[in-house]
Amino acid sequence: MHLTLANVSVDIEDAAAIGGVLMANAVTHSGAPTYAQIPMQWVLLKSGELLIQVQDSRRDFPDFDEAVTWEPAEGEKPRGLCIARELGAELAFAPTEAGKIVQALIKPLEMPALDFPAVSDTP
């Protein structure tokens, strides 16, 4: 809802799906108890990019490179971070004192160039 009101230039449905993937990944792999809070933050950068961050209590991310480059076999459905990447997210993570942050950077949609005819204001 906030993104819709902010008039962002990213696909809001894709951004929601990417945020959901990051959250599901944190819930599945963090080892946090089921009652733990896993915060998600987003910020709209001046460049028009949307940055989504999810923080969990596990400091490491084993096989991060493999997780973000994994491709499904023929006939297999995309899953996990592959979905976020397919939706256009650039993924990264960094350890923090409280665990780690996994982030997705979403580029703004390309707007088609408008081709207006040249107009002269001379009679």
PDB file of N, CA and C in Angstrom:
ATOM      1  N   MET A   1       0.823  -1.181   0.000  1.00  0.00           N
ATOM      2  CA  MET A   1       0.000   0.000   0.000  1.00  0.00           C
ATOM      3  C   MET A   1       0.872   1.252   0.000  1.00  0.00           C
ATOM      4  N   HIS A   2       1.931   1.247   0.831  1.00  0.00           N
ATOM      5  CA  HIS A   2       2.799   2.415   0.889  1.00  0.00           C
ATOM      6  C   HIS A   2       3.482   2.662  -0.450  1.00  0.00           C
ATOM      7  N   LEU A   3       3.886   1.590  -1.116  1.00  0.00           N
ATOM      8  CA  LEU A   3       4.555   1.749  -2.403  1.00  0.00           C
ATOM      9  C   LEU A   3       3.599   2.291  -3.451  1.00  0.00           C
ATOM     10  N   THR A   4       2.361   1.867  -3.413  1.00  0.00           N
ATOM     11  CA  THR A   4       1.373   2.387  -4.356  1.00  0.00           C
ATOM     12  C   THR A   4       1.189   3.885  -4.142  1.00  0.00           C
ATOM     13  N   LEU A   5       1.089   4.307  -2.906  1.00  0.00           N
ATOM     14  CA  LEU A   5       0.901   5.720  -2.600  1.00  0.00           C
ATOM     15  C   LEU A   5       2.149   6.547  -2.894  1.00  0.00           C
ATOM     16  N   ALA A   6       3.317   5.916  -2.852  1.00  0.00           N
ATOM     17  CA  ALA A   6       4.571   6.634  -3.080  1.00  0.00           C
ATOM     18  C   ALA A   6       4.834   6.875  -4.561  1.00  0.00           C
ATOM     19  N   ASN A   7       3.981   6.321  -5.449  1.00  0.00           N
ATOM     20  CA  ASN A   7       4.147   6.515  -6.888  1.00  0.00           C
ATOM     21  C   ASN A   7       5.530   6.075  -7.350  1.00  0.00           C
ATOM     22  N   VAL A   8       5.906   4.862  -7.007  1.00  0.00           N
ATOM     23  CA  VAL A   8       7.224   4.346  -7.361  1.00  0.00           C
ATOM     24  C   VAL A   8       7.255   3.906  -8.816  1.00  0.00           C
ATOM     25  N   SER A   9       8.449   3.819  -9.360  1.00  0.00           N
ATOM     26  CA  SER A   9       8.591   3.425 -10.762  1.00  0.00           C
ATOM     27  C   SER A   9       9.140   2.001 -10.875  1.00  0.00           C
ATOM     28  N   VAL A  10       8.778   1.141  -9.907  1.00  0.00           N
ATOM     29  CA  VAL A  10       9.097  -0.283  -9.988  1.00  0.00           C
ATOM     30  C   VAL A  10       7.769  -1.039 -10.025  1.00  0.00           C
ATOM     31  N   ASP A  11       7.818  -2.270 -10.466  1.00  0.00           N
ATOM     32  CA  ASP A  11       6.619  -3.092 -10.491  1.00  0.00           C
ATOM     33  C   ASP A  11       6.296  -3.488  -9.047  1.00  0.00           C
ATOM     34  N   ILE A  12       5.194  -2.992  -8.528  1.00  0.00           N
ATOM     35  CA  ILE A  12       4.855  -3.191  -7.113  1.00  0.00           C
ATOM     36  C   ILE A  12       4.547  -4.654  -6.814  1.00  0.00           C
ATOM     37  N   GLU A  13       3.894  -5.347  -7.728  1.00  0.00           N
ATOM     38  CA  GLU A  13       3.608  -6.768  -7.503  1.00  0.00           C
ATOM     39  C   GLU A  13       4.899  -7.574  -7.463  1.00  0.00           C
ATOM     40  N   ASP A  14       5.843  -7.252  -8.345  1.00  0.00           N
ATOM     41  CA  ASP A  14       7.141  -7.930  -8.309  1.00  0.00           C
ATOM     42  C   ASP A  14       7.872  -7.611  -7.011  1.00  0.00           C
ATOM     43  N   ALA A  15       7.815  -6.348  -6.578  1.00  0.00           N
ATOM     44  CA  ALA A  15       8.482  -5.958  -5.330  1.00  0.00           C
ATOM     45  C   ALA A  15       7.895  -6.723  -4.144  1.00  0.00           C
ATOM     46  N   ALA A  16       6.575  -6.883  -4.123  1.00  0.00           N
ATOM     47  CA  ALA A  16       5.926  -7.634  -3.044  1.00  0.00           C
ATOM     48  C   ALA A  16       6.362  -9.099  -3.075  1.00  0.00           C
ATOM     49  N   ALA A  17       6.434  -9.673  -4.270  1.00  0.00           N
ATOM     50  CA  ALA A  17       6.874 -11.067  -4.397  1.00  0.00           C
ATOM     51  C   ALA A  17       8.325 -11.221  -3.951  1.00  0.00           C
ATOM     52  N   ILE A  18       9.168 -10.271  -4.309  1.00  0.00           N
ATOM     53  CA  ILE A  18      10.581 -10.310  -3.907  1.00  0.00           C
ATOM     54  C   ILE A  18      10.695 -10.205  -2.394  1.00  0.00           C
ATOM     55  N   GLY A  19       9.944  -9.295  -1.784  1.00  0.00           N
ATOM     56  CA  GLY A  19       9.941  -9.185  -0.324  1.00  0.00           C
ATOM     57  C   GLY A  19       9.473 -10.476   0.329  1.00  0.00           C
ATOM     58  N   GLY A  20       8.470 -11.105  -0.259  1.00  0.00           N
ATOM     59  CA  GLY A  20       7.982 -12.383   0.259  1.00  0.00           C
ATOM     60  C   GLY A  20       9.031 -13.482   0.174  1.00  0.00           C
ATOM     61  N   VAL A  21       9.789 -13.501  -0.923  1.00  0.00           N
ATOM     62  CA  VAL A  21      10.860 -14.486  -1.080  1.00  0.00           C
ATOM     63  C   VAL A  21      11.942 -14.265  -0.022  1.00  0.00           C
ATOM     64  N   LEU A  22      12.327 -13.010   0.204  1.00  0.00           N
ATOM     65  CA  LEU A  22      13.357 -12.725   1.216  1.00  0.00           C
ATOM     66  C   LEU A  22      12.878 -13.134   2.602  1.00  0.00           C
ATOM     67  N   MET A  23      11.623 -12.850   2.906  1.00  0.00           N
ATOM     68  CA  MET A  23      11.075 -13.203   4.213  1.00  0.00           C
ATOM     69  C   MET A  23      10.990 -14.715   4.375  1.00  0.00           C
ATOM     70  N   ALA A  24      10.507 -15.408   3.355  1.00  0.00           N
ATOM     71  CA  ALA A  24      10.408 -16.874   3.421  1.00  0.00           C
ATOM     72  C   ALA A  24      11.790 -17.496   3.590  1.00  0.00           C
ATOM     73  N   ASN A  25      12.772 -16.948   2.902  1.00  0.00           N
ATOM     74  CA  ASN A  25      14.139 -17.443   3.017  1.00  0.00           C
ATOM     75  C   ASN A  25      14.647 -17.277   4.453  1.00  0.00           C
ATOM     76  N   ALA A  26      14.377 -16.127   5.045  1.00  0.00           N
ATOM     77  CA  ALA A  26      14.820 -15.882   6.420  1.00  0.00           C
ATOM     78  C   ALA A  26      14.125 -16.829   7.397  1.00  0.00           C
ATOM     79  N   VAL A  27      12.834 -17.009   7.226  1.00  0.00           N
ATOM     80  CA  VAL A  27      12.084 -17.899   8.122  1.00  0.00           C
ATOM     81  C   VAL A  27      12.588 -19.329   7.993  1.00  0.00           C
ATOM     82  N   THR A  28      12.833 -19.774   6.776  1.00  0.00           N
ATOM     83  CA  THR A  28      13.238 -21.160   6.526  1.00  0.00           C
ATOM     84  C   THR A  28      14.656 -21.456   6.995  1.00  0.00           C
ATOM     85  N   HIS A  29      15.579 -20.523   6.779  1.00  0.00           N
ATOM     86  CA  HIS A  29      16.994 -20.836   6.969  1.00  0.00           C
ATOM     87  C   HIS A  29      17.678 -20.157   8.160  1.00  0.00           C
ATOM     88  N   SER A  30      17.000 -19.266   8.851  1.00  0.00           N
ATOM     89  CA  SER A  30      17.678 -18.524   9.922  1.00  0.00           C
ATOM     90  C   SER A  30      17.843 -19.324  11.203  1.00  0.00           C
ATOM     91  N   GLY A  31      17.001 -20.328  11.405  1.00  0.00           N
ATOM     92  CA  GLY A  31      17.053 -21.070  12.657  1.00  0.00           C
ATOM     93  C   GLY A  31      16.418 -20.311  13.810  1.00  0.00           C
ATOM     94  N   ALA A  32      15.728 -19.221  13.484  1.00  0.00           N
ATOM     95  CA  ALA A  32      15.066 -18.435  14.534  1.00  0.00           C
ATOM     96  C   ALA A  32      13.850 -19.200  15.040  1.00  0.00           C
ATOM     97  N   PRO A  33      13.521 -19.031  16.316  1.00  0.00           N
ATOM     98  CA  PRO A  33      12.324 -19.689  16.846  1.00  0.00           C
ATOM     99  C   PRO A  33      11.071 -19.189  16.119  1.00  0.00           C
ATOM    100  N   THR A  34      10.023 -19.974  16.133  1.00  0.00           N
ATOM    101  CA  THR A  34       8.805 -19.621  15.398  1.00  0.00           C
ATOM    102  C   THR A  34       8.157 -18.332  15.882  1.00  0.00           C
ATOM    103  N   TYR A  35       8.454 -17.905  17.081  1.00  0.00           N
ATOM    104  CA  TYR A  35       7.868 -16.674  17.613  1.00  0.00           C
ATOM    105  C   TYR A  35       8.768 -15.460  17.365  1.00  0.00           C
ATOM    106  N   ALA A  36       9.900 -15.643  16.703  1.00  0.00           N
ATOM    107  CA  ALA A  36      10.843 -14.539  16.480  1.00  0.00           C
ATOM    108  C   ALA A  36      10.268 -13.516  15.505  1.00  0.00           C
ATOM    109  N   GLN A  37      10.677 -12.290  15.695  1.00  0.00           N
ATOM    110  CA  GLN A  37      10.329 -11.230  14.749  1.00  0.00           C
ATOM    111  C   GLN A  37      11.461 -11.092  13.744  1.00  0.00           C
ATOM    112  N   ILE A  38      11.107 -11.043  12.486  1.00  0.00           N
ATOM    113  CA  ILE A  38      12.092 -10.870  11.417  1.00  0.00           C
ATOM    114  C   ILE A  38      11.728  -9.566  10.712  1.00  0.00           C
ATOM    115  N   PRO A  39      12.495  -8.509  10.966  1.00  0.00           N
ATOM    116  CA  PRO A  39      12.129  -7.215  10.395  1.00  0.00           C
ATOM    117  C   PRO A  39      12.433  -7.107   8.902  1.00  0.00           C
ATOM    118  N   MET A  40      11.553  -6.386   8.226  1.00  0.00           N
ATOM    119  CA  MET A  40      11.752  -6.054   6.812  1.00  0.00           C
ATOM    120  C   MET A  40      11.662  -4.534   6.701  1.00  0.00           C
ATOM    121  N   GLN A  41      12.597  -3.985   5.968  1.00  0.00           N
ATOM    122  CA  GLN A  41      12.571  -2.547   5.708  1.00  0.00           C
ATOM    123  C   GLN A  41      12.700  -2.331   4.214  1.00  0.00           C
ATOM    124  N   TRP A  42      12.173  -1.234   3.746  1.00  0.00           N
ATOM    125  CA  TRP A  42      12.367  -0.860   2.357  1.00  0.00           C
ATOM    126  C   TRP A  42      12.605   0.635   2.303  1.00  0.00           C
ATOM    127  N   VAL A  43      13.340   1.030   1.305  1.00  0.00           N
ATOM    128  CA  VAL A  43      13.593   2.447   1.096  1.00  0.00           C
ATOM    129  C   VAL A  43      13.603   2.705  -0.402  1.00  0.00           C
ATOM    130  N   LEU A  44      12.987   3.794  -0.782  1.00  0.00           N
ATOM    131  CA  LEU A  44      12.986   4.219  -2.164  1.00  0.00           C
ATOM    132  C   LEU A  44      14.141   5.204  -2.324  1.00  0.00           C
ATOM    133  N   LEU A  45      15.120   4.830  -3.128  1.00  0.00           N
ATOM    134  CA  LEU A  45      16.304   5.667  -3.328  1.00  0.00           C
ATOM    135  C   LEU A  45      16.011   6.791  -4.321  1.00  0.00           C
ATOM    136  N   LYS A  46      16.789   7.860  -4.256  1.00  0.00           N
ATOM    137  CA  LYS A  46      16.591   8.995  -5.161  1.00  0.00           C
ATOM    138  C   LYS A  46      16.702   8.581  -6.625  1.00  0.00           C
ATOM    139  N   SER A  47      17.450   7.520  -6.894  1.00  0.00           N
ATOM    140  CA  SER A  47      17.625   7.025  -8.258  1.00  0.00           C
ATOM    141  C   SER A  47      16.367   6.349  -8.798  1.00  0.00           C
ATOM    142  N   GLY A  48      15.358   6.142  -7.934  1.00  0.00           N
ATOM    143  CA  GLY A  48      14.155   5.429  -8.330  1.00  0.00           C
ATOM    144  C   GLY A  48      14.216   3.949  -8.006  1.00  0.00           C
ATOM    145  N   GLU A  49      15.384   3.476  -7.545  1.00  0.00           N
ATOM    146  CA  GLU A  49      15.529   2.071  -7.169  1.00  0.00           C
ATOM    147  C   GLU A  49      14.861   1.835  -5.826  1.00  0.00           C
ATOM    148  N   LEU A  50      14.370   0.631  -5.648  1.00  0.00           N
ATOM    149  CA  LEU A  50      13.765   0.225  -4.383  1.00  0.00           C
ATOM    150  C   LEU A  50      14.691  -0.777  -3.725  1.00  0.00           C
ATOM    151  N   LEU A  51      15.038  -0.545  -2.466  1.00  0.00           N
ATOM    152  CA  LEU A  51      15.892  -1.447  -1.705  1.00  0.00           C
ATOM    153  C   LEU A  51      15.042  -2.094  -0.618  1.00  0.00           C
ATOM    154  N   ILE A  52      14.996  -3.427  -0.625  1.00  0.00           N
ATOM    155  CA  ILE A  52      14.267  -4.182   0.390  1.00  0.00           C
ATOM    156  C   ILE A  52      15.299  -4.952   1.204  1.00  0.00           C
ATOM    157  N   GLN A  53      15.201  -4.877   2.538  1.00  0.00           N
ATOM    158  CA  GLN A  53      16.131  -5.574   3.419  1.00  0.00           C
ATOM    159  C   GLN A  53      15.365  -6.393   4.442  1.00  0.00           C
ATOM    160  N   VAL A  54      15.843  -7.621   4.653  1.00  0.00           N
ATOM    161  CA  VAL A  54      15.292  -8.502   5.681  1.00  0.00           C
ATOM    162  C   VAL A  54      16.441  -8.898   6.594  1.00  0.00           C
ATOM    163  N   GLN A  55      16.217  -8.758   7.892  1.00  0.00           N
ATOM    164  CA  GLN A  55      17.261  -9.068   8.872  1.00  0.00           C
ATOM    165  C   GLN A  55      16.853 -10.293   9.671  1.00  0.00           C
ATOM    166  N   ASP A  56      17.785 -11.243   9.795  1.00  0.00           N
ATOM    167  CA  ASP A  56      17.530 -12.395  10.653  1.00  0.00           C
ATOM    168  C   ASP A  56      18.711 -12.602  11.590  1.00  0.00           C
ATOM    169  N   SER A  57      18.568 -13.551  12.497  1.00  0.00           N
ATOM    170  CA  SER A  57      19.547 -13.710  13.574  1.00  0.00           C
ATOM    171  C   SER A  57      20.749 -14.578  13.213  1.00  0.00           C
ATOM    172  N   ARG A  58      20.746 -15.183  12.049  1.00  0.00           N
ATOM    173  CA  ARG A  58      21.878 -16.024  11.648  1.00  0.00           C
ATOM    174  C   ARG A  58      22.901 -15.157  10.912  1.00  0.00           C
ATOM    175  N   ARG A  59      24.152 -15.169  11.383  1.00  0.00           N
ATOM    176  CA  ARG A  59      25.179 -14.293  10.808  1.00  0.00           C
ATOM    177  C   ARG A  59      25.688 -14.756   9.450  1.00  0.00           C
ATOM    178  N   ASP A  60      25.736 -16.053   9.221  1.00  0.00           N
ATOM    179  CA  ASP A  60      26.314 -16.528   7.969  1.00  0.00           C
ATOM    180  C   ASP A  60      25.225 -16.831   6.948  1.00  0.00           C
ATOM    181  N   PHE A  61      25.637 -17.005   5.709  1.00  0.00           N
ATOM    182  CA  PHE A  61      24.742 -17.408   4.631  1.00  0.00           C
ATOM    183  C   PHE A  61      25.515 -18.418   3.797  1.00  0.00           C
ATOM    184  N   PRO A  62      25.504 -19.688   4.257  1.00  0.00           N
ATOM    185  CA  PRO A  62      26.270 -20.711   3.554  1.00  0.00           C
ATOM    186  C   PRO A  62      25.850 -20.796   2.083  1.00  0.00           C
ATOM    187  N   ASP A  63      26.826 -20.874   1.218  1.00  0.00           N
ATOM    188  CA  ASP A  63      26.594 -21.055  -0.218  1.00  0.00           C
ATOM    189  C   ASP A  63      25.719 -19.959  -0.828  1.00  0.00           C
ATOM    190  N   PHE A  64      25.931 -18.712  -0.397  1.00  0.00           N
ATOM    191  CA  PHE A  64      25.147 -17.593  -0.934  1.00  0.00           C
ATOM    192  C   PHE A  64      25.242 -17.526  -2.454  1.00  0.00           C
ATOM    193  N   ASP A  65      26.460 -17.615  -2.986  1.00  0.00           N
ATOM    194  CA  ASP A  65      26.631 -17.504  -4.437  1.00  0.00           C
ATOM    195  C   ASP A  65      25.843 -18.585  -5.179  1.00  0.00           C
ATOM    196  N   GLU A  66      25.870 -19.801  -4.653  1.00  0.00           N
ATOM    197  CA  GLU A  66      25.117 -20.879  -5.277  1.00  0.00           C
ATOM    198  C   GLU A  66      23.608 -20.640  -5.151  1.00  0.00           C
ATOM    199  N   ALA A  67      23.180 -20.091  -4.022  1.00  0.00           N
ATOM    200  CA  ALA A  67      21.749 -19.849  -3.806  1.00  0.00           C
ATOM    201  C   ALA A  67      21.206 -18.805  -4.776  1.00  0.00           C
ATOM    202  N   VAL A  68      21.988 -17.783  -5.085  1.00  0.00           N
ATOM    203  CA  VAL A  68      21.480 -16.734  -5.977  1.00  0.00           C
ATOM    204  C   VAL A  68      21.703 -17.035  -7.452  1.00  0.00           C
ATOM    205  N   THR A  69      22.546 -17.998  -7.763  1.00  0.00           N
ATOM    206  CA  THR A  69      22.765 -18.341  -9.175  1.00  0.00           C
ATOM    207  C   THR A  69      22.094 -19.658  -9.566  1.00  0.00           C
ATOM    208  N   TRP A  70      21.451 -20.333  -8.609  1.00  0.00           N
ATOM    209  CA  TRP A  70      20.796 -21.607  -8.883  1.00  0.00           C
ATOM    210  C   TRP A  70      19.764 -21.437  -9.990  1.00  0.00           C
ATOM    211  N   GLU A  71      19.722 -22.388 -10.902  1.00  0.00           N
ATOM    212  CA  GLU A  71      18.744 -22.410 -11.985  1.00  0.00           C
ATOM    213  C   GLU A  71      17.967 -23.720 -11.907  1.00  0.00           C
ATOM    214  N   PRO A  72      16.663 -23.671 -12.101  1.00  0.00           N
ATOM    215  CA  PRO A  72      15.888 -24.911 -12.075  1.00  0.00           C
ATOM    216  C   PRO A  72      16.192 -25.771 -13.299  1.00  0.00           C
ATOM    217  N   ALA A  73      16.132 -27.072 -13.122  1.00  0.00           N
ATOM    218  CA  ALA A  73      16.285 -28.004 -14.240  1.00  0.00           C
ATOM    219  C   ALA A  73      15.042 -27.888 -15.124  1.00  0.00           C
ATOM    220  N   GLU A  74      15.143 -28.375 -16.324  1.00  0.00           N
ATOM    221  CA  GLU A  74      14.014 -28.314 -17.248  1.00  0.00           C
ATOM    222  C   GLU A  74      12.791 -28.978 -16.618  1.00  0.00           C
ATOM    223  N   GLY A  75      11.687 -28.254 -16.633  1.00  0.00           N
ATOM    224  CA  GLY A  75      10.446 -28.756 -16.057  1.00  0.00           C
ATOM    225  C   GLY A  75      10.297 -28.480 -14.567  1.00  0.00           C
ATOM    226  N   GLU A  76      11.371 -28.032 -13.915  1.00  0.00           N
ATOM    227  CA  GLU A  76      11.332 -27.727 -12.483  1.00  0.00           C
ATOM    228  C   GLU A  76      10.931 -26.262 -12.303  1.00  0.00           C
ATOM    229  N   LYS A  77      10.150 -25.989 -11.265  1.00  0.00           N
ATOM    230  CA  LYS A  77       9.712 -24.620 -10.999  1.00  0.00           C
ATOM    231  C   LYS A  77      10.817 -23.840 -10.288  1.00  0.00           C
ATOM    232  N   PRO A  78      10.924 -22.537 -10.591  1.00  0.00           N
ATOM    233  CA  PRO A  78      11.870 -21.701  -9.839  1.00  0.00           C
ATOM    234  C   PRO A  78      11.455 -21.670  -8.371  1.00  0.00           C
ATOM    235  N   ARG A  79      12.433 -21.513  -7.488  1.00  0.00           N
ATOM    236  CA  ARG A  79      12.139 -21.427  -6.057  1.00  0.00           C
ATOM    237  C   ARG A  79      13.180 -20.536  -5.392  1.00  0.00           C
ATOM    238  N   GLY A  80      12.863 -20.136  -4.181  1.00  0.00           N
ATOM    239  CA  GLY A  80      13.800 -19.375  -3.361  1.00  0.00           C
ATOM    240  C   GLY A  80      14.267 -18.096  -4.019  1.00  0.00           C
ATOM    241  N   LEU A  81      15.534 -17.816  -3.809  1.00  0.00           N
ATOM    242  CA  LEU A  81      16.102 -16.562  -4.302  1.00  0.00           C
ATOM    243  C   LEU A  81      16.131 -16.486  -5.821  1.00  0.00           C
ATOM    244  N   CYS A  82      16.018 -17.621  -6.493  1.00  0.00           N
ATOM    245  CA  CYS A  82      15.939 -17.638  -7.954  1.00  0.00           C
ATOM    246  C   CYS A  82      14.729 -16.821  -8.420  1.00  0.00           C
ATOM    247  N   ILE A  83      13.630 -16.932  -7.706  1.00  0.00           N
ATOM    248  CA  ILE A  83      12.424 -16.180  -8.066  1.00  0.00           C
ATOM    249  C   ILE A  83      12.694 -14.684  -7.977  1.00  0.00           C
ATOM    250  N   ALA A  84      13.339 -14.253  -6.894  1.00  0.00           N
ATOM    251  CA  ALA A  84      13.651 -12.828  -6.733  1.00  0.00           C
ATOM    252  C   ALA A  84      14.556 -12.347  -7.862  1.00  0.00           C
ATOM    253  N   ARG A  85      15.542 -13.144  -8.193  1.00  0.00           N
ATOM    254  CA  ARG A  85      16.462 -12.773  -9.272  1.00  0.00           C
ATOM    255  C   ARG A  85      15.728 -12.698 -10.606  1.00  0.00           C
ATOM    256  N   GLU A  86      14.852 -13.671 -10.879  1.00  0.00           N
ATOM    257  CA  GLU A  86      14.089 -13.663 -12.130  1.00  0.00           C
ATOM    258  C   GLU A  86      13.178 -12.447 -12.230  1.00  0.00           C
ATOM    259  N   LEU A  87      12.748 -11.925 -11.097  1.00  0.00           N
ATOM    260  CA  LEU A  87      11.901 -10.727 -11.083  1.00  0.00           C
ATOM    261  C   LEU A  87      12.726  -9.439 -11.173  1.00  0.00           C
ATOM    262  N   GLY A  88      14.039  -9.572 -11.299  1.00  0.00           N
ATOM    263  CA  GLY A  88      14.885  -8.402 -11.525  1.00  0.00           C
ATOM    264  C   GLY A  88      15.658  -7.894 -10.327  1.00  0.00           C
ATOM    265  N   ALA A  89      15.624  -8.605  -9.208  1.00  0.00           N
ATOM    266  CA  ALA A  89      16.333  -8.144  -8.009  1.00  0.00           C
ATOM    267  C   ALA A  89      17.814  -8.477  -8.088  1.00  0.00           C
ATOM    268  N   GLU A  90      18.629  -7.532  -7.660  1.00  0.00           N
ATOM    269  CA  GLU A  90      20.048  -7.780  -7.433  1.00  0.00           C
ATOM    270  C   GLU A  90      20.182  -8.101  -5.952  1.00  0.00           C
ATOM    271  N   LEU A  91      20.733  -9.263  -5.622  1.00  0.00           N
ATOM    272  CA  LEU A  91      20.744  -9.753  -4.244  1.00  0.00           C
ATOM    273  C   LEU A  91      22.125  -9.651  -3.618  1.00  0.00           C
ATOM    274  N   ALA A  92      22.134  -9.352  -2.330  1.00  0.00           N
ATOM    275  CA  ALA A  92      23.379  -9.283  -1.571  1.00  0.00           C
ATOM    276  C   ALA A  92      23.053  -9.581  -0.111  1.00  0.00           C
ATOM    277  N   PHE A  93      24.097  -9.882   0.669  1.00  0.00           N
ATOM    278  CA  PHE A  93      23.904 -10.028   2.110  1.00  0.00           C
ATOM    279  C   PHE A  93      25.140  -9.514   2.825  1.00  0.00           C
ATOM    280  N   ALA A  94      24.946  -9.160   4.085  1.00  0.00           N
ATOM    281  CA  ALA A  94      26.056  -8.698   4.912  1.00  0.00           C
ATOM    282  C   ALA A  94      25.786  -9.096   6.358  1.00  0.00           C
ATOM    283  N   PRO A  95      26.824  -9.606   7.046  1.00  0.00           N
ATOM    284  CA  PRO A  95      26.644  -9.916   8.468  1.00  0.00           C
ATOM    285  C   PRO A  95      26.541  -8.629   9.280  1.00  0.00           C
ATOM    286  N   THR A  96      25.800  -8.697  10.368  1.00  0.00           N
ATOM    287  CA  THR A  96      25.681  -7.581  11.309  1.00  0.00           C
ATOM    288  C   THR A  96      25.931  -8.131  12.712  1.00  0.00           C
ATOM    289  N   GLU A  97      25.970  -7.266  13.693  1.00  0.00           N
ATOM    290  CA  GLU A  97      26.143  -7.731  15.072  1.00  0.00           C
ATOM    291  C   GLU A  97      24.992  -8.617  15.517  1.00  0.00           C
ATOM    292  N   ALA A  98      23.792  -8.339  14.988  1.00  0.00           N
ATOM    293  CA  ALA A  98      22.605  -9.084  15.413  1.00  0.00           C
ATOM    294  C   ALA A  98      22.282 -10.269  14.505  1.00  0.00           C
ATOM    295  N   GLY A  99      23.057 -10.491  13.455  1.00  0.00           N
ATOM    296  CA  GLY A  99      22.780 -11.580  12.518  1.00  0.00           C
ATOM    297  C   GLY A  99      23.259 -11.210  11.130  1.00  0.00           C
ATOM    298  N   LYS A 100      22.333 -11.080  10.201  1.00  0.00           N
ATOM    299  CA  LYS A 100      22.678 -10.647   8.842  1.00  0.00           C
ATOM    300  C   LYS A 100      21.492  -9.935   8.223  1.00  0.00           C
ATOM    301  N   ILE A 101      21.805  -9.193   7.177  1.00  0.00           N
ATOM    302  CA  ILE A 101      20.791  -8.543   6.364  1.00  0.00           C
ATOM    303  C   ILE A 101      20.923  -9.098   4.957  1.00  0.00           C
ATOM    304  N   VAL A 102      19.812  -9.526   4.393  1.00  0.00           N
ATOM    305  CA  VAL A 102      19.753  -9.922   2.992  1.00  0.00           C
ATOM    306  C   VAL A 102      18.961  -8.823   2.296  1.00  0.00           C
ATOM    307  N   GLN A 103      19.513  -8.338   1.193  1.00  0.00           N
ATOM    308  CA  GLN A 103      18.838  -7.239   0.527  1.00  0.00           C
ATOM    309  C   GLN A 103      18.629  -7.511  -0.954  1.00  0.00           C
ATOM    310  N   ALA A 104      17.594  -6.878  -1.464  1.00  0.00           N
ATOM    311  CA  ALA A 104      17.263  -6.939  -2.882  1.00  0.00           C
ATOM    312  C   ALA A 104      17.167  -5.512  -3.396  1.00  0.00           C
ATOM    313  N   LEU A 105      17.888  -5.227  -4.448  1.00  0.00           N
ATOM    314  CA  LEU A 105      17.829  -3.924  -5.101  1.00  0.00           C
ATOM    315  C   LEU A 105      17.031  -4.104  -6.381  1.00  0.00           C
ATOM    316  N   ILE A 106      15.981  -3.304  -6.520  1.00  0.00           N
ATOM    317  CA  ILE A 106      15.095  -3.408  -7.676  1.00  0.00           C
ATOM    318  C   ILE A 106      15.213  -2.121  -8.480  1.00  0.00           C
ATOM    319  N   LYS A 107      15.599  -2.266  -9.719  1.00  0.00           N
ATOM    320  CA  LYS A 107      15.764  -1.119 -10.617  1.00  0.00           C
ATOM    321  C   LYS A 107      14.388  -0.605 -11.046  1.00  0.00           C
ATOM    322  N   PRO A 108      14.298   0.699 -11.346  1.00  0.00           N
ATOM    323  CA  PRO A 108      13.024   1.225 -11.836  1.00  0.00           C
ATOM    324  C   PRO A 108      12.709   0.679 -13.225  1.00  0.00           C
ATOM    325  N   LEU A 109      11.426   0.647 -13.532  1.00  0.00           N
ATOM    326  CA  LEU A 109      10.995   0.215 -14.855  1.00  0.00           C
ATOM    327  C   LEU A 109      11.482   1.216 -15.890  1.00  0.00           C
ATOM    328  N   GLU A 110      11.836   0.712 -17.049  1.00  0.00           N
ATOM    329  CA  GLU A 110      12.235   1.616 -18.119  1.00  0.00           C
ATOM    330  C   GLU A 110      10.976   2.229 -18.708  1.00  0.00           C
ATOM    331  N   MET A 111      11.003   3.511 -18.802  1.00  0.00           N
ATOM    332  CA  MET A 111       9.867   4.221 -19.365  1.00  0.00           C
ATOM    333  C   MET A 111      10.123   4.422 -20.852  1.00  0.00           C
ATOM    334  N   PRO A 112       9.139   4.162 -21.692  1.00  0.00           N
ATOM    335  CA  PRO A 112       9.345   4.363 -23.121  1.00  0.00           C
ATOM    336  C   PRO A 112       9.541   5.840 -23.434  1.00  0.00           C
ATOM    337  N   ALA A 113      10.426   6.104 -24.361  1.00  0.00           N
ATOM    338  CA  ALA A 113      10.658   7.490 -24.773  1.00  0.00           C
ATOM    339  C   ALA A 113       9.420   7.974 -25.523  1.00  0.00           C
ATOM    340  N   LEU A 114       9.025   9.175 -25.222  1.00  0.00           N
ATOM    341  CA  LEU A 114       7.881   9.756 -25.906  1.00  0.00           C
ATOM    342  C   LEU A 114       8.389  10.490 -27.134  1.00  0.00           C
ATOM    343  N   ASP A 115       7.778  10.253 -28.249  1.00  0.00           N
ATOM    344  CA  ASP A 115       8.220  10.841 -29.499  1.00  0.00           C
ATOM    345  C   ASP A 115       7.215  11.908 -29.916  1.00  0.00           C
ATOM    346  N   PHE A 116       7.444  13.116 -29.420  1.00  0.00           N
ATOM    347  CA  PHE A 116       6.560  14.222 -29.775  1.00  0.00           C
ATOM    348  C   PHE A 116       7.122  14.919 -31.012  1.00  0.00           C
ATOM    349  N   PRO A 117       6.250  15.350 -31.899  1.00  0.00           N
ATOM    350  CA  PRO A 117       6.758  16.087 -33.068  1.00  0.00           C
ATOM    351  C   PRO A 117       7.303  17.441 -32.624  1.00  0.00           C
ATOM    352  N   ALA A 118       8.275  17.917 -33.371  1.00  0.00           N
ATOM    353  CA  ALA A 118       8.843  19.233 -33.088  1.00  0.00           C
ATOM    354  C   ALA A 118       7.765  20.281 -33.283  1.00  0.00           C
ATOM    355  N   VAL A 119       7.706  21.215 -32.374  1.00  0.00           N
ATOM    356  CA  VAL A 119       6.694  22.293 -32.454  1.00  0.00           C
ATOM    357  C   VAL A 119       7.449  23.606 -32.468  1.00  0.00           C
ATOM    358  N   SER A 120       7.048  24.437 -33.330  1.00  0.00           N
ATOM    359  CA  SER A 120       7.645  25.759 -33.426  1.00  0.00           C
ATOM    360  C   SER A 120       6.645  26.774 -32.934  1.00  0.00           C
ATOM    361  N   ASP A 121       7.092  27.749 -32.197  1.00  0.00           N
ATOM    362  CA  ASP A 121       6.144  28.774 -31.740  1.00  0.00           C
ATOM    363  C   ASP A 121       6.272  30.035 -32.601  1.00  0.00           C
ATOM    364  N   THR A 122       6.870  29.907 -33.778  1.00  0.00           N
ATOM    365  CA  THR A 122       6.919  31.046 -34.688  1.00  0.00           C
ATOM    366  C   THR A 122       5.803  30.892 -35.713  1.00  0.00           C
ATOM    367  N   PRO A 123       5.172  31.991 -36.116  1.00  0.00           N
ATOM    368  CA  PRO A 123       4.051  31.911 -37.068  1.00  0.00           C
ATOM    369  C   PRO A 123       4.498  31.526 -38.454  1.00  0.00           C
TER     370      PRO A 123
END
